[in-house]
Amino acid sequence: MTERTWLITGVSSGFGRHLTEQLLERGDRVVGTVRRPESVDELTSRHPDLFRAKVLDVRDTPALRAAVMRIVDQRAGRGLTRARLRPRPRQLTHHR
């Protein structure tokens, strides 16, 4: 099975929370953004090896870019080249 790592925003509730729970149940790793880390204490305790909460306001583009680059740096070398993992600035700021 291929190990996957996801960056999901808003994992405290709603769609982000539901998607996170589904991915963790199938064994994928999730880095989830939250504004209040205590809101995901239960996910952290149930999946200590698969789930990491990161306090982040996704409206803060420099902070978002830095968080994505940290994840890329940590995950690079695990079957994909770093060039394929590195997002372009427009990918981090362009919304439809």
PDB file of N, CA and C in Angstrom:
ATOM      1  N   MET A   1       0.838  -1.177   0.000  1.00  0.00           N
ATOM      2  CA  MET A   1       0.000   0.000   0.000  1.00  0.00           C
ATOM      3  C   MET A   1       0.887   1.246   0.000  1.00  0.00           C
ATOM      4  N   THR A   2       0.523   2.248  -0.768  1.00  0.00           N
ATOM      5  CA  THR A   2       1.258   3.495  -0.842  1.00  0.00           C
ATOM      6  C   THR A   2       0.918   4.366   0.355  1.00  0.00           C
ATOM      7  N   GLU A   3       1.954   4.851   1.022  1.00  0.00           N
ATOM      8  CA  GLU A   3       1.750   5.759   2.146  1.00  0.00           C
ATOM      9  C   GLU A   3       1.449   7.146   1.603  1.00  0.00           C
ATOM     10  N   ARG A   4       0.380   7.744   2.101  1.00  0.00           N
ATOM     11  CA  ARG A   4       0.002   9.077   1.646  1.00  0.00           C
ATOM     12  C   ARG A   4      -0.065  10.022   2.828  1.00  0.00           C
ATOM     13  N   THR A   5       0.308  11.258   2.577  1.00  0.00           N
ATOM     14  CA  THR A   5       0.195  12.305   3.579  1.00  0.00           C
ATOM     15  C   THR A   5      -0.655  13.422   2.998  1.00  0.00           C
ATOM     16  N   TRP A   6      -1.657  13.821   3.758  1.00  0.00           N
ATOM     17  CA  TRP A   6      -2.599  14.851   3.335  1.00  0.00           C
ATOM     18  C   TRP A   6      -2.445  16.089   4.207  1.00  0.00           C
ATOM     19  N   LEU A   7      -2.612  17.262   3.623  1.00  0.00           N
ATOM     20  CA  LEU A   7      -2.735  18.514   4.356  1.00  0.00           C
ATOM     21  C   LEU A   7      -4.185  18.938   4.212  1.00  0.00           C
ATOM     22  N   ILE A   8      -4.900  18.968   5.330  1.00  0.00           N
ATOM     23  CA  ILE A   8      -6.321  19.298   5.306  1.00  0.00           C
ATOM     24  C   ILE A   8      -6.552  20.494   6.216  1.00  0.00           C
ATOM     25  N   THR A   9      -7.248  21.481   5.689  1.00  0.00           N
ATOM     26  CA  THR A   9      -7.551  22.666   6.485  1.00  0.00           C
ATOM     27  C   THR A   9      -8.890  22.486   7.185  1.00  0.00           C
ATOM     28  N   GLY A  10      -8.993  23.081   8.363  1.00  0.00           N
ATOM     29  CA  GLY A  10     -10.257  23.079   9.093  1.00  0.00           C
ATOM     30  C   GLY A  10     -10.688  21.708   9.572  1.00  0.00           C
ATOM     31  N   VAL A  11      -9.805  20.999  10.274  1.00  0.00           N
ATOM     32  CA  VAL A  11     -10.128  19.636  10.704  1.00  0.00           C
ATOM     33  C   VAL A  11     -10.897  19.580  12.023  1.00  0.00           C
ATOM     34  N   SER A  12     -11.226  20.736  12.587  1.00  0.00           N
ATOM     35  CA  SER A  12     -11.962  20.752  13.856  1.00  0.00           C
ATOM     36  C   SER A  12     -13.402  20.292  13.699  1.00  0.00           C
ATOM     37  N   SER A  13     -13.991  20.555  12.529  1.00  0.00           N
ATOM     38  CA  SER A  13     -15.410  20.228  12.353  1.00  0.00           C
ATOM     39  C   SER A  13     -15.754  20.129  10.872  1.00  0.00           C
ATOM     40  N   GLY A  14     -16.986  19.754  10.616  1.00  0.00           N
ATOM     41  CA  GLY A  14     -17.516  19.746   9.261  1.00  0.00           C
ATOM     42  C   GLY A  14     -16.799  18.809   8.312  1.00  0.00           C
ATOM     43  N   PHE A  15     -16.711  19.255   7.047  1.00  0.00           N
ATOM     44  CA  PHE A  15     -16.131  18.433   5.992  1.00  0.00           C
ATOM     45  C   PHE A  15     -14.678  18.071   6.293  1.00  0.00           C
ATOM     46  N   GLY A  16     -13.901  19.038   6.777  1.00  0.00           N
ATOM     47  CA  GLY A  16     -12.494  18.771   7.090  1.00  0.00           C
ATOM     48  C   GLY A  16     -12.344  17.678   8.129  1.00  0.00           C
ATOM     49  N   ARG A  17     -13.192  17.709   9.146  1.00  0.00           N
ATOM     50  CA  ARG A  17     -13.141  16.689  10.204  1.00  0.00           C
ATOM     51  C   ARG A  17     -13.536  15.328   9.646  1.00  0.00           C
ATOM     52  N   HIS A  18     -14.616  15.286   8.881  1.00  0.00           N
ATOM     53  CA  HIS A  18     -15.091  14.017   8.319  1.00  0.00           C
ATOM     54  C   HIS A  18     -14.036  13.402   7.390  1.00  0.00           C
ATOM     55  N   LEU A  19     -13.480  14.203   6.505  1.00  0.00           N
ATOM     56  CA  LEU A  19     -12.460  13.700   5.584  1.00  0.00           C
ATOM     57  C   LEU A  19     -11.246  13.186   6.354  1.00  0.00           C
ATOM     58  N   THR A  20     -10.830  13.931   7.367  1.00  0.00           N
ATOM     59  CA  THR A  20      -9.691  13.520   8.191  1.00  0.00           C
ATOM     60  C   THR A  20      -9.945  12.169   8.842  1.00  0.00           C
ATOM     61  N   GLU A  21     -11.115  11.989   9.428  1.00  0.00           N
ATOM     62  CA  GLU A  21     -11.439  10.717  10.082  1.00  0.00           C
ATOM     63  C   GLU A  21     -11.411   9.562   9.090  1.00  0.00           C
ATOM     64  N   GLN A  22     -11.943   9.769   7.891  1.00  0.00           N
ATOM     65  CA  GLN A  22     -11.951   8.715   6.874  1.00  0.00           C
ATOM     66  C   GLN A  22     -10.527   8.347   6.451  1.00  0.00           C
ATOM     67  N   LEU A  23      -9.695   9.338   6.231  1.00  0.00           N
ATOM     68  CA  LEU A  23      -8.314   9.080   5.805  1.00  0.00           C
ATOM     69  C   LEU A  23      -7.512   8.381   6.893  1.00  0.00           C
ATOM     70  N   LEU A  24      -7.690   8.796   8.139  1.00  0.00           N
ATOM     71  CA  LEU A  24      -6.980   8.154   9.245  1.00  0.00           C
ATOM     72  C   LEU A  24      -7.410   6.704   9.403  1.00  0.00           C
ATOM     73  N   GLU A  25      -8.686   6.437   9.237  1.00  0.00           N
ATOM     74  CA  GLU A  25      -9.190   5.065   9.367  1.00  0.00           C
ATOM     75  C   GLU A  25      -8.594   4.142   8.313  1.00  0.00           C
ATOM     76  N   ARG A  26      -8.274   4.676   7.144  1.00  0.00           N
ATOM     77  CA  ARG A  26      -7.672   3.814   6.114  1.00  0.00           C
ATOM     78  C   ARG A  26      -6.149   3.777   6.207  1.00  0.00           C
ATOM     79  N   GLY A  27      -5.574   4.503   7.190  1.00  0.00           N
ATOM     80  CA  GLY A  27      -4.145   4.418   7.436  1.00  0.00           C
ATOM     81  C   GLY A  27      -3.293   5.504   6.819  1.00  0.00           C
ATOM     82  N   ASP A  28      -3.925   6.513   6.225  1.00  0.00           N
ATOM     83  CA  ASP A  28      -3.164   7.629   5.666  1.00  0.00           C
ATOM     84  C   ASP A  28      -2.732   8.573   6.786  1.00  0.00           C
ATOM     85  N   ARG A  29      -1.670   9.322   6.528  1.00  0.00           N
ATOM     86  CA  ARG A  29      -1.213  10.351   7.467  1.00  0.00           C
ATOM     87  C   ARG A  29      -1.929  11.656   7.137  1.00  0.00           C
ATOM     88  N   VAL A  30      -2.247  12.428   8.178  1.00  0.00           N
ATOM     89  CA  VAL A  30      -2.918  13.713   7.988  1.00  0.00           C
ATOM     90  C   VAL A  30      -2.231  14.774   8.832  1.00  0.00           C
ATOM     91  N   VAL A  31      -1.908  15.875   8.188  1.00  0.00           N
ATOM     92  CA  VAL A  31      -1.515  17.091   8.888  1.00  0.00           C
ATOM     93  C   VAL A  31      -2.724  18.002   8.752  1.00  0.00           C
ATOM     94  N   GLY A  32      -3.351  18.318   9.873  1.00  0.00           N
ATOM     95  CA  GLY A  32      -4.584  19.097   9.849  1.00  0.00           C
ATOM     96  C   GLY A  32      -4.412  20.458  10.480  1.00  0.00           C
ATOM     97  N   THR A  33      -4.940  21.480   9.809  1.00  0.00           N
ATOM     98  CA  THR A  33      -4.841  22.822  10.368  1.00  0.00           C
ATOM     99  C   THR A  33      -6.042  23.110  11.257  1.00  0.00           C
ATOM    100  N   VAL A  34      -5.751  23.801  12.343  1.00  0.00           N
ATOM    101  CA  VAL A  34      -6.777  24.179  13.326  1.00  0.00           C
ATOM    102  C   VAL A  34      -6.442  25.565  13.862  1.00  0.00           C
ATOM    103  N   ARG A  35      -7.446  26.206  14.426  1.00  0.00           N
ATOM    104  CA  ARG A  35      -7.188  27.449  15.156  1.00  0.00           C
ATOM    105  C   ARG A  35      -7.054  27.166  16.643  1.00  0.00           C
ATOM    106  N   ARG A  36      -7.728  26.115  17.099  1.00  0.00           N
ATOM    107  CA  ARG A  36      -7.676  25.721  18.512  1.00  0.00           C
ATOM    108  C   ARG A  36      -7.246  24.259  18.595  1.00  0.00           C
ATOM    109  N   PRO A  37      -6.008  23.980  18.992  1.00  0.00           N
ATOM    110  CA  PRO A  37      -5.509  22.598  18.996  1.00  0.00           C
ATOM    111  C   PRO A  37      -6.299  21.663  19.906  1.00  0.00           C
ATOM    112  N   GLU A  38      -6.885  22.191  20.970  1.00  0.00           N
ATOM    113  CA  GLU A  38      -7.665  21.331  21.867  1.00  0.00           C
ATOM    114  C   GLU A  38      -8.905  20.757  21.178  1.00  0.00           C
ATOM    115  N   SER A  39      -9.321  21.350  20.063  1.00  0.00           N
ATOM    116  CA  SER A  39     -10.500  20.859  19.350  1.00  0.00           C
ATOM    117  C   SER A  39     -10.255  19.516  18.666  1.00  0.00           C
ATOM    118  N   VAL A  40      -8.998  19.104  18.558  1.00  0.00           N
ATOM    119  CA  VAL A  40      -8.680  17.827  17.910  1.00  0.00           C
ATOM    120  C   VAL A  40      -7.891  16.901  18.833  1.00  0.00           C
ATOM    121  N   ASP A  41      -7.973  17.135  20.140  1.00  0.00           N
ATOM    122  CA  ASP A  41      -7.267  16.272  21.096  1.00  0.00           C
ATOM    123  C   ASP A  41      -7.633  14.803  20.918  1.00  0.00           C
ATOM    124  N   GLU A  42      -8.890  14.547  20.642  1.00  0.00           N
ATOM    125  CA  GLU A  42      -9.356  13.164  20.481  1.00  0.00           C
ATOM    126  C   GLU A  42      -8.706  12.500  19.256  1.00  0.00           C
ATOM    127  N   LEU A  43      -8.584  13.224  18.152  1.00  0.00           N
ATOM    128  CA  LEU A  43      -7.915  12.672  16.962  1.00  0.00           C
ATOM    129  C   LEU A  43      -6.441  12.402  17.245  1.00  0.00           C
ATOM    130  N   THR A  44      -5.811  13.322  17.950  1.00  0.00           N
ATOM    131  CA  THR A  44      -4.395  13.173  18.287  1.00  0.00           C
ATOM    132  C   THR A  44      -4.166  11.954  19.169  1.00  0.00           C
ATOM    133  N   SER A  45      -5.048  11.727  20.126  1.00  0.00           N
ATOM    134  CA  SER A  45      -4.858  10.578  21.026  1.00  0.00           C
ATOM    135  C   SER A  45      -5.216   9.253  20.356  1.00  0.00           C
ATOM    136  N   ARG A  46      -6.196   9.248  19.461  1.00  0.00           N
ATOM    137  CA  ARG A  46      -6.566   8.005  18.765  1.00  0.00           C
ATOM    138  C   ARG A  46      -5.585   7.614  17.677  1.00  0.00           C
ATOM    139  N   HIS A  47      -4.922   8.588  17.070  1.00  0.00           N
ATOM    140  CA  HIS A  47      -4.026   8.325  15.929  1.00  0.00           C
ATOM    141  C   HIS A  47      -2.690   9.045  16.119  1.00  0.00           C
ATOM    142  N   PRO A  48      -1.952   8.731  17.182  1.00  0.00           N
ATOM    143  CA  PRO A  48      -0.720   9.481  17.469  1.00  0.00           C
ATOM    144  C   PRO A  48       0.362   9.353  16.395  1.00  0.00           C
ATOM    145  N   ASP A  49       0.371   8.270  15.655  1.00  0.00           N
ATOM    146  CA  ASP A  49       1.397   8.082  14.623  1.00  0.00           C
ATOM    147  C   ASP A  49       0.971   8.608  13.258  1.00  0.00           C
ATOM    148  N   LEU A  50      -0.316   8.909  13.099  1.00  0.00           N
ATOM    149  CA  LEU A  50      -0.827   9.310  11.790  1.00  0.00           C
ATOM    150  C   LEU A  50      -1.297  10.754  11.716  1.00  0.00           C
ATOM    151  N   PHE A  51      -1.644  11.353  12.849  1.00  0.00           N
ATOM    152  CA  PHE A  51      -2.248  12.687  12.830  1.00  0.00           C
ATOM    153  C   PHE A  51      -1.382  13.715  13.537  1.00  0.00           C
ATOM    154  N   ARG A  52      -1.216  14.861  12.893  1.00  0.00           N
ATOM    155  CA  ARG A  52      -0.528  16.006  13.487  1.00  0.00           C
ATOM    156  C   ARG A  52      -1.398  17.242  13.279  1.00  0.00           C
ATOM    157  N   ALA A  53      -1.648  17.963  14.349  1.00  0.00           N
ATOM    158  CA  ALA A  53      -2.392  19.220  14.268  1.00  0.00           C
ATOM    159  C   ALA A  53      -1.407  20.374  14.181  1.00  0.00           C
ATOM    160  N   LYS A  54      -1.692  21.295  13.288  1.00  0.00           N
ATOM    161  CA  LYS A  54      -0.879  22.502  13.132  1.00  0.00           C
ATOM    162  C   LYS A  54      -1.785  23.715  13.293  1.00  0.00           C
ATOM    163  N   VAL A  55      -1.427  24.581  14.235  1.00  0.00           N
ATOM    164  CA  VAL A  55      -2.186  25.816  14.419  1.00  0.00           C
ATOM    165  C   VAL A  55      -1.832  26.744  13.266  1.00  0.00           C
ATOM    166  N   LEU A  56      -2.857  27.128  12.503  1.00  0.00           N
ATOM    167  CA  LEU A  56      -2.609  27.919  11.306  1.00  0.00           C
ATOM    168  C   LEU A  56      -3.880  28.626  10.874  1.00  0.00           C
ATOM    169  N   ASP A  57      -3.754  29.889  10.539  1.00  0.00           N
ATOM    170  CA  ASP A  57      -4.837  30.641   9.908  1.00  0.00           C
ATOM    171  C   ASP A  57      -4.549  30.601   8.412  1.00  0.00           C
ATOM    172  N   VAL A  58      -5.358  29.885   7.660  1.00  0.00           N
ATOM    173  CA  VAL A  58      -5.074  29.694   6.233  1.00  0.00           C
ATOM    174  C   VAL A  58      -5.207  30.983   5.429  1.00  0.00           C
ATOM    175  N   ARG A  59      -5.724  32.036   6.033  1.00  0.00           N
ATOM    176  CA  ARG A  59      -5.773  33.337   5.349  1.00  0.00           C
ATOM    177  C   ARG A  59      -4.419  34.036   5.379  1.00  0.00           C
ATOM    178  N   ASP A  60      -3.498  33.528   6.188  1.00  0.00           N
ATOM    179  CA  ASP A  60      -2.147  34.081   6.298  1.00  0.00           C
ATOM    180  C   ASP A  60      -1.264  33.358   5.279  1.00  0.00           C
ATOM    181  N   THR A  61      -1.178  33.915   4.062  1.00  0.00           N
ATOM    182  CA  THR A  61      -0.487  33.240   2.963  1.00  0.00           C
ATOM    183  C   THR A  61       0.967  32.897   3.282  1.00  0.00           C
ATOM    184  N   PRO A  62       1.762  33.796   3.858  1.00  0.00           N
ATOM    185  CA  PRO A  62       3.145  33.409   4.185  1.00  0.00           C
ATOM    186  C   PRO A  62       3.211  32.236   5.172  1.00  0.00           C
ATOM    187  N   ALA A  63       2.332  32.228   6.163  1.00  0.00           N
ATOM    188  CA  ALA A  63       2.322  31.122   7.129  1.00  0.00           C
ATOM    189  C   ALA A  63       1.885  29.825   6.455  1.00  0.00           C
ATOM    190  N   LEU A  64       0.899  29.913   5.568  1.00  0.00           N
ATOM    191  CA  LEU A  64       0.440  28.730   4.835  1.00  0.00           C
ATOM    192  C   LEU A  64       1.564  28.186   3.961  1.00  0.00           C
ATOM    193  N   ARG A  65       2.240  29.065   3.251  1.00  0.00           N
ATOM    194  CA  ARG A  65       3.344  28.637   2.387  1.00  0.00           C
ATOM    195  C   ARG A  65       4.435  27.953   3.220  1.00  0.00           C
ATOM    196  N   ALA A  66       4.774  28.533   4.362  1.00  0.00           N
ATOM    197  CA  ALA A  66       5.809  27.953   5.228  1.00  0.00           C
ATOM    198  C   ALA A  66       5.385  26.580   5.742  1.00  0.00           C
ATOM    199  N   ALA A  67       4.117  26.430   6.108  1.00  0.00           N
ATOM    200  CA  ALA A  67       3.625  25.139   6.598  1.00  0.00           C
ATOM    201  C   ALA A  67       3.700  24.079   5.508  1.00  0.00           C
ATOM    202  N   VAL A  68       3.294  24.435   4.297  1.00  0.00           N
ATOM    203  CA  VAL A  68       3.355  23.481   3.182  1.00  0.00           C
ATOM    204  C   VAL A  68       4.800  23.083   2.912  1.00  0.00           C
ATOM    205  N   MET A  69       5.702  24.038   2.929  1.00  0.00           N
ATOM    206  CA  MET A  69       7.099  23.727   2.644  1.00  0.00           C
ATOM    207  C   MET A  69       7.703  22.838   3.730  1.00  0.00           C
ATOM    208  N   ARG A  70       7.306  23.026   4.994  1.00  0.00           N
ATOM    209  CA  ARG A  70       7.795  22.140   6.065  1.00  0.00           C
ATOM    210  C   ARG A  70       7.322  20.710   5.826  1.00  0.00           C
ATOM    211  N   ILE A  71       6.071  20.562   5.425  1.00  0.00           N
ATOM    212  CA  ILE A  71       5.539  19.222   5.157  1.00  0.00           C
ATOM    213  C   ILE A  71       6.282  18.591   3.983  1.00  0.00           C
ATOM    214  N   VAL A  72       6.493  19.358   2.927  1.00  0.00           N
ATOM    215  CA  VAL A  72       7.230  18.849   1.765  1.00  0.00           C
ATOM    216  C   VAL A  72       8.629  18.418   2.183  1.00  0.00           C
ATOM    217  N   ASP A  73       9.301  19.248   2.965  1.00  0.00           N
ATOM    218  CA  ASP A  73      10.656  18.911   3.406  1.00  0.00           C
ATOM    219  C   ASP A  73      10.676  17.633   4.238  1.00  0.00           C
ATOM    220  N   GLN A  74       9.669  17.446   5.080  1.00  0.00           N
ATOM    221  CA  GLN A  74       9.616  16.259   5.935  1.00  0.00           C
ATOM    222  C   GLN A  74       9.265  15.005   5.151  1.00  0.00           C
ATOM    223  N   ARG A  75       8.489  15.133   4.085  1.00  0.00           N
ATOM    224  CA  ARG A  75       8.012  13.973   3.339  1.00  0.00           C
ATOM    225  C   ARG A  75       8.846  13.674   2.103  1.00  0.00           C
ATOM    226  N   ALA A  76       9.709  14.583   1.672  1.00  0.00           N
ATOM    227  CA  ALA A  76      10.513  14.373   0.460  1.00  0.00           C
ATOM    228  C   ALA A  76      11.416  13.160   0.644  1.00  0.00           C
ATOM    229  N   GLY A  77      11.647  12.465  -0.446  1.00  0.00           N
ATOM    230  CA  GLY A  77      12.521  11.303  -0.390  1.00  0.00           C
ATOM    231  C   GLY A  77      11.786  10.023  -0.056  1.00  0.00           C
ATOM    232  N   ARG A  78      10.483  10.054  -0.047  1.00  0.00           N
ATOM    233  CA  ARG A  78       9.708   8.857   0.265  1.00  0.00           C
ATOM    234  C   ARG A  78       8.935   8.400  -0.969  1.00  0.00           C
ATOM    235  N   GLY A  79       9.662   8.231  -2.040  1.00  0.00           N
ATOM    236  CA  GLY A  79       9.039   7.711  -3.247  1.00  0.00           C
ATOM    237  C   GLY A  79       8.749   8.765  -4.298  1.00  0.00           C
ATOM    238  N   LEU A  80       8.843  10.024  -3.939  1.00  0.00           N
ATOM    239  CA  LEU A  80       8.615  11.091  -4.903  1.00  0.00           C
ATOM    240  C   LEU A  80       9.791  12.046  -4.856  1.00  0.00           C
ATOM    241  N   THR A  81      10.093  12.631  -5.986  1.00  0.00           N
ATOM    242  CA  THR A  81      11.158  13.626  -5.971  1.00  0.00           C
ATOM    243  C   THR A  81      10.626  14.918  -5.389  1.00  0.00           C
ATOM    244  N   ARG A  82      11.509  15.667  -4.798  1.00  0.00           N
ATOM    245  CA  ARG A  82      11.107  16.919  -4.178  1.00  0.00           C
ATOM    246  C   ARG A  82      10.499  17.877  -5.204  1.00  0.00           C
ATOM    247  N   ALA A  83      11.008  17.879  -6.422  1.00  0.00           N
ATOM    248  CA  ALA A  83      10.474  18.775  -7.448  1.00  0.00           C
ATOM    249  C   ALA A  83       9.001  18.500  -7.709  1.00  0.00           C
ATOM    250  N   ARG A  84       8.592  17.254  -7.628  1.00  0.00           N
ATOM    251  CA  ARG A  84       7.188  16.924  -7.855  1.00  0.00           C
ATOM    252  C   ARG A  84       6.321  17.341  -6.683  1.00  0.00           C
ATOM    253  N   LEU A  85       6.904  17.447  -5.506  1.00  0.00           N
ATOM    254  CA  LEU A  85       6.133  17.799  -4.322  1.00  0.00           C
ATOM    255  C   LEU A  85       6.019  19.298  -4.100  1.00  0.00           C
ATOM    256  N   ARG A  86       6.953  20.068  -4.601  1.00  0.00           N
ATOM    257  CA  ARG A  86       7.006  21.498  -4.290  1.00  0.00           C
ATOM    258  C   ARG A  86       5.899  22.253  -5.036  1.00  0.00           C
ATOM    259  N   PRO A  87       4.969  22.860  -4.299  1.00  0.00           N
ATOM    260  CA  PRO A  87       3.902  23.617  -4.958  1.00  0.00           C
ATOM    261  C   PRO A  87       4.423  24.945  -5.491  1.00  0.00           C
ATOM    262  N   ARG A  88       3.788  25.424  -6.529  1.00  0.00           N
ATOM    263  CA  ARG A  88       4.115  26.739  -7.060  1.00  0.00           C
ATOM    264  C   ARG A  88       3.352  27.789  -6.251  1.00  0.00           C
ATOM    265  N   PRO A  89       3.891  29.004  -6.124  1.00  0.00           N
ATOM    266  CA  PRO A  89       3.201  30.032  -5.332  1.00  0.00           C
ATOM    267  C   PRO A  89       1.752  30.236  -5.750  1.00  0.00           C
ATOM    268  N   ARG A  90       1.468  30.187  -7.040  1.00  0.00           N
ATOM    269  CA  ARG A  90       0.087  30.392  -7.501  1.00  0.00           C
ATOM    270  C   ARG A  90      -0.836  29.300  -6.962  1.00  0.00           C
ATOM    271  N   GLN A  91      -0.331  28.081  -6.794  1.00  0.00           N
ATOM    272  CA  GLN A  91      -1.149  26.995  -6.263  1.00  0.00           C
ATOM    273  C   GLN A  91      -1.563  27.266  -4.825  1.00  0.00           C
ATOM    274  N   LEU A  92      -0.784  28.049  -4.106  1.00  0.00           N
ATOM    275  CA  LEU A  92      -1.095  28.347  -2.709  1.00  0.00           C
ATOM    276  C   LEU A  92      -2.007  29.552  -2.557  1.00  0.00           C
ATOM    277  N   THR A  93      -2.146  30.367  -3.596  1.00  0.00           N
ATOM    278  CA  THR A  93      -2.912  31.602  -3.456  1.00  0.00           C
ATOM    279  C   THR A  93      -4.094  31.697  -4.399  1.00  0.00           C
ATOM    280  N   HIS A  94      -4.169  30.855  -5.409  1.00  0.00           N
ATOM    281  CA  HIS A  94      -5.242  30.939  -6.394  1.00  0.00           C
ATOM    282  C   HIS A  94      -6.450  30.131  -5.922  1.00  0.00           C
ATOM    283  N   HIS A  95      -7.576  30.795  -5.795  1.00  0.00           N
ATOM    284  CA  HIS A  95      -8.806  30.138  -5.353  1.00  0.00           C
ATOM    285  C   HIS A  95      -9.867  30.293  -6.430  1.00  0.00           C
ATOM    286  N   ARG A  96     -10.636  29.268  -6.624  1.00  0.00           N
ATOM    287  CA  ARG A  96     -11.741  29.342  -7.596  1.00  0.00           C
ATOM    288  C   ARG A  96     -13.048  29.389  -6.869  1.00  0.00           C
TER     289      ARG A  96
END
